[in-house]
Every structure is written in structure tokens, then in C-alpha cells.
Amino acid sequence: MSTRDATPHMRNVLIGARLFFGLLTLAALGKQFMVAVDNGHVANYFSFFTILSSLFAAIVLVVGAVYLIRRRQPSEAYDIVRGSAVVAMAIVGLVFGLLLSRMENAGVVPLVNFVTHYLMPIVMVVDWLLQPPKSTLVPRHVGLWLIYPSAYLIYSLVRGAIVAWYPYWFIDPHKAPGGWSGVVLYSIAISIGFLVVSGVLLFLGNRLKRRIV
């Protein structure tokens, strides 16, 4: 099969994959949302970085599929937003694996746990590597990618101080080793992780060749 013949096939595969994983994630999040409604924890549901990032990633995948269906070239803004979603999900997978995987996830539907913590981090990174951004990304874009997690951290700490509930133990001054000092150290460590992951994905996104123009 020639490259010209392969391109439509690859486009269709990518469209199908993006729609499948995007809609699967939305369905999983919907299932977990119903559990939150039943438990009266709707506000807390929307305070988990995993939930917000998975929703973010699912929307990015569906929009990307629509772009391909309409043969619309991705804009620089879309590539930047997509990169933010990819980095966020990569961090979700890493932080879960390093800090949360051995903890009991009470109330979390097993399928949702698998989709959000294991499947989607891999899907988003693979999608980025197989179909890199069309725009050339520069280091200043990493700063834009950090806006979302930084805003989330500020929100979580402020809301936590008000309602006395934090979504993760490492940003809870009552549970993190050393109290607020521990929260600061974990926040710095995760921020460094964001920078490293962002740098790697930015580098690979610029170096790898797009399979579908």
C-alpha cells in the first residue's frame, strides 16, 4: 500500500480511536458522576484533578476527531490546548502510580479507575506521539500548560481551607507529612514533574513527523 493510499485509512483509524476513547471517557465520568450524586458529593466530584483532566482530555479527543472529519487543520491554539491536556493526563498517570495506586479508592467505580488512571494517560501520550502537533511549539508554551494545574492547586487549597476537605492527601496539611511544609514540598516536586514531562512532550512533538497532514 502506498503512502497516498495509507493516509485515508490512517485518518479513519485515528478518527475512530479519538471518538472511541473520548466517548468512553465521557461515559465513565458520567457513571462516576451518578455515584457522586447518589452520595451527595457533587462538589467534591468536580474537585478531583483526575476528573477534570479526564473531561478535558475527552473533549480534546472529540474535537480532534471532528477536525479530522472536516479535514480542518489544527490551529496553534488547539495544539497548545491539546498539549495541556496531554501533559495533565501524563501527570495523572504518574502521580497515581507513585502516590495513590496503593490507597483504597472508596466509591470509585473500577472501570472509571481504569479508564482515568491507566488507560487515558497512555492514550493521550500515544495520540500525541503518533500525530504530533502541526504548530511548532516553543518553551513559552510550557508556561501556558502550567496555568491549568497551577489554578487547580490554588483552587484546591483555598476550597480545602474553607470546607475542610482536600481531594488528595499530599495537598492536605492535616495528612501530608510535615503539615504545610509537606504540602509545599509535594507541590514543588509535582511542579518539577510537570516541567520535565512538558519539556519531553514539547521536544518530541516538534521532532516527530505527522502521519496525517
Protein backbone atom coordinates (compact mmCIF):
# COMPACT_ATOMS: atom_id res chain seq x y z
CA MET A 1 0.00 0.00 0.00
CA SER A 2 1.43 3.38 -0.97
CA THR A 3 1.70 6.32 1.42
CA ARG A 4 -1.06 8.09 -0.52
CA ASP A 5 -3.35 5.06 -0.16
CA ALA A 6 -2.47 4.62 3.51
CA THR A 7 -3.30 8.18 4.56
CA PRO A 8 -7.13 7.91 4.30
CA HIS A 9 -7.00 4.61 6.20
CA MET A 10 -4.85 6.11 8.94
CA ARG A 11 -7.14 9.14 9.11
CA ASN A 12 -10.17 6.89 9.63
CA VAL A 13 -8.37 4.84 12.28
CA LEU A 14 -7.36 7.99 14.15
CA ILE A 15 -10.88 9.42 13.90
CA GLY A 16 -12.35 6.18 15.23
CA ALA A 17 -9.81 5.91 18.04
CA ARG A 18 -10.29 9.51 19.18
CA LEU A 19 -14.06 9.20 19.16
CA PHE A 20 -13.99 5.83 20.92
CA PHE A 21 -11.66 6.83 23.75
CA GLY A 22 -13.21 10.28 24.08
CA LEU A 23 -16.75 8.95 24.35
CA LEU A 24 -15.65 6.04 26.55
CA THR A 25 -14.13 8.51 28.99
CA LEU A 26 -17.22 10.70 28.97
CA ALA A 27 -19.37 7.64 29.67
CA ALA A 28 -17.08 6.57 32.52
CA LEU A 29 -17.13 10.05 34.02
CA GLY A 30 -20.91 10.09 33.71
CA LYS A 31 -21.10 6.81 35.62
CA GLN A 32 -18.92 8.19 38.41
CA PHE A 33 -20.95 11.40 38.45
CA MET A 34 -24.11 9.41 39.17
CA VAL A 35 -22.34 7.80 42.12
CA ALA A 36 -21.37 11.26 43.35
CA VAL A 37 -24.98 12.44 43.01
CA ASP A 38 -26.23 9.45 44.99
CA ASN A 39 -23.67 10.15 47.73
CA GLY A 40 -24.29 13.89 47.74
CA HIS A 41 -20.68 14.67 46.80
CA VAL A 42 -21.17 16.53 43.53
CA ALA A 43 -18.96 19.48 44.53
CA ASN A 44 -16.17 17.13 45.57
CA TYR A 45 -16.53 15.19 42.33
CA PHE A 46 -15.58 18.26 40.33
CA SER A 47 -12.66 18.96 42.65
CA PHE A 48 -10.51 15.99 41.61
CA PHE A 49 -7.70 16.75 39.18
CA THR A 50 -8.22 13.31 37.63
CA ILE A 51 -11.88 14.01 36.87
CA LEU A 52 -11.27 17.48 35.46
CA SER A 53 -8.27 16.37 33.39
CA SER A 54 -10.08 13.33 32.02
CA LEU A 55 -13.01 15.52 30.99
CA PHE A 56 -10.55 17.97 29.43
CA ALA A 57 -8.79 15.18 27.54
CA ALA A 58 -12.02 13.60 26.32
CA ILE A 59 -13.21 16.91 24.86
CA VAL A 60 -9.82 17.45 23.19
CA LEU A 61 -10.00 13.99 21.59
CA VAL A 62 -13.54 14.51 20.28
CA VAL A 63 -12.68 17.95 18.91
CA GLY A 64 -9.58 16.47 17.27
CA ALA A 65 -11.71 13.79 15.65
CA VAL A 66 -14.11 16.43 14.33
CA TYR A 67 -11.16 18.37 12.89
CA LEU A 68 -10.09 15.24 11.00
CA ILE A 69 -13.61 14.50 9.79
CA ARG A 70 -13.94 18.04 8.46
CA ARG A 71 -10.34 17.98 7.18
CA ARG A 72 -9.70 21.11 9.17
CA GLN A 73 -6.11 21.90 10.05
CA PRO A 74 -5.49 22.31 13.80
CA SER A 75 -4.74 25.86 14.87
CA GLU A 76 -1.85 26.83 17.12
CA ALA A 77 -4.38 27.47 19.89
CA TYR A 78 -5.75 23.93 19.56
CA ASP A 79 -2.25 22.45 19.63
CA ILE A 80 -1.47 24.39 22.80
CA VAL A 81 -4.71 23.31 24.47
CA ARG A 82 -4.15 19.73 23.33
CA GLY A 83 -0.64 19.79 24.76
CA SER A 84 -2.01 20.97 28.10
CA ALA A 85 -4.45 18.04 28.17
CA VAL A 86 -1.72 15.55 27.26
CA VAL A 87 0.64 16.80 29.97
CA ALA A 88 -2.17 16.81 32.54
CA MET A 89 -3.12 13.20 31.81
CA ALA A 90 0.50 12.09 31.80
CA ILE A 91 0.87 13.59 35.27
CA VAL A 92 -2.37 11.94 36.38
CA GLY A 93 -0.89 8.56 35.46
CA LEU A 94 2.47 9.26 37.10
CA VAL A 95 1.10 10.73 40.33
CA PHE A 96 -1.45 7.95 40.66
CA GLY A 97 1.22 5.32 40.11
CA LEU A 98 3.67 6.89 42.57
CA LEU A 99 1.41 8.26 45.30
CA LEU A 100 -2.12 6.92 45.08
CA SER A 101 -2.28 3.47 43.48
CA ARG A 102 -1.85 1.57 46.76
CA MET A 103 -4.57 3.53 48.53
CA GLU A 104 -8.16 2.38 48.73
CA ASN A 105 -10.35 4.26 46.25
CA ALA A 106 -13.61 4.11 48.15
CA GLY A 107 -16.62 4.90 46.00
CA VAL A 108 -14.68 4.84 42.72
CA VAL A 109 -16.17 2.58 40.05
CA PRO A 110 -13.43 0.10 38.95
CA LEU A 111 -13.99 0.85 35.24
CA VAL A 112 -13.68 4.58 35.92
CA ASN A 113 -10.49 4.00 37.88
CA PHE A 114 -9.02 2.02 34.98
CA VAL A 115 -10.08 4.49 32.28
CA THR A 116 -8.94 7.64 34.05
CA HIS A 117 -5.80 6.46 35.83
CA TYR A 118 -4.40 3.84 33.47
CA LEU A 119 -5.94 3.98 30.00
CA MET A 120 -6.31 7.68 29.22
CA PRO A 121 -2.80 8.74 30.27
CA ILE A 122 -1.43 6.20 27.78
CA VAL A 123 -3.96 7.09 25.08
CA MET A 124 -3.22 10.81 25.24
CA VAL A 125 0.55 10.37 25.09
CA VAL A 126 0.35 7.82 22.26
CA ASP A 127 -2.01 10.10 20.31
CA TRP A 128 0.49 12.96 20.75
CA LEU A 129 3.39 10.83 19.55
CA LEU A 130 1.57 9.29 16.57
CA GLN A 131 0.04 12.59 15.46
CA PRO A 132 2.27 15.39 16.77
CA PRO A 133 1.05 18.99 16.75
CA LYS A 134 1.10 20.82 13.44
CA SER A 135 2.39 24.02 15.04
CA THR A 136 5.98 24.37 16.18
CA LEU A 137 5.85 24.68 19.95
CA VAL A 138 8.35 26.75 21.94
CA PRO A 139 9.34 26.83 25.64
CA ARG A 140 6.91 29.65 26.43
CA HIS A 141 4.08 27.24 25.64
CA VAL A 142 5.13 25.19 28.67
CA GLY A 143 4.24 28.20 30.77
CA LEU A 144 0.77 28.14 29.26
CA TRP A 145 0.48 24.43 30.03
CA LEU A 146 1.20 25.18 33.69
CA ILE A 147 -1.69 27.62 34.05
CA TYR A 148 -4.28 24.86 34.44
CA PRO A 149 -2.52 22.79 37.16
CA SER A 150 -1.45 25.96 39.00
CA ALA A 151 -5.02 27.26 39.04
CA TYR A 152 -6.22 23.84 40.19
CA LEU A 153 -3.75 23.80 43.10
CA ILE A 154 -4.78 27.27 44.24
CA TYR A 155 -8.45 26.33 43.99
CA SER A 156 -7.94 23.10 45.95
CA LEU A 157 -6.02 24.77 48.75
CA VAL A 158 -8.46 27.67 49.09
CA ARG A 159 -11.54 25.45 48.91
CA GLY A 160 -9.94 22.93 51.25
CA ALA A 161 -9.33 25.61 53.87
CA ILE A 162 -12.99 26.66 53.60
CA VAL A 163 -14.74 23.26 53.57
CA ALA A 164 -12.07 21.25 55.44
CA TRP A 165 -11.76 18.70 52.63
CA TYR A 166 -8.92 18.13 50.19
CA PRO A 167 -9.06 15.79 47.17
CA TYR A 168 -5.57 14.33 47.75
CA TRP A 169 -3.64 13.61 50.92
CA PHE A 170 -0.42 15.25 49.69
CA ILE A 171 -2.11 18.67 49.47
CA ASP A 172 -3.95 18.20 52.76
CA PRO A 173 -1.97 19.92 55.55
CA HIS A 174 -3.61 17.59 58.08
CA LYS A 175 -2.41 14.43 56.29
CA ALA A 176 0.76 15.36 54.43
CA PRO A 177 3.95 14.60 56.40
CA GLY A 178 5.12 17.84 57.99
CA GLY A 179 1.81 19.64 57.50
CA TRP A 180 2.05 22.70 55.28
CA SER A 181 5.76 22.10 54.75
CA GLY A 182 4.90 18.71 53.29
CA VAL A 183 2.23 20.24 51.06
CA VAL A 184 4.75 22.77 49.75
CA LEU A 185 7.37 20.08 49.10
CA TYR A 186 4.96 17.77 47.30
CA SER A 187 3.62 20.69 45.26
CA ILE A 188 7.14 21.67 44.22
CA ALA A 189 8.02 18.08 43.34
CA ILE A 190 4.90 17.64 41.21
CA SER A 191 5.52 21.02 39.56
CA ILE A 192 9.02 19.86 38.63
CA GLY A 193 7.43 16.72 37.22
CA PHE A 194 5.11 18.89 35.12
CA LEU A 195 8.06 20.83 33.76
CA VAL A 196 10.02 17.68 32.90
CA VAL A 197 7.08 15.94 31.24
CA SER A 198 6.15 19.14 29.40
CA GLY A 199 9.69 19.55 28.11
CA VAL A 200 9.87 15.98 26.87
CA LEU A 201 6.49 16.12 25.14
CA LEU A 202 7.28 19.50 23.59
CA PHE A 203 10.60 18.18 22.26
CA LEU A 204 9.04 15.01 20.84
CA GLY A 205 6.09 16.93 19.42
CA ASN A 206 8.47 19.09 17.40
CA ARG A 207 10.77 16.28 16.31
CA LEU A 208 8.32 13.57 15.28
CA LYS A 209 6.67 13.59 11.88
CA ARG A 210 2.92 13.97 11.50
CA ARG A 211 1.44 10.86 9.87
CA ILE A 212 -1.67 12.69 8.69
CA VAL A 213 -1.22 16.18 7.24
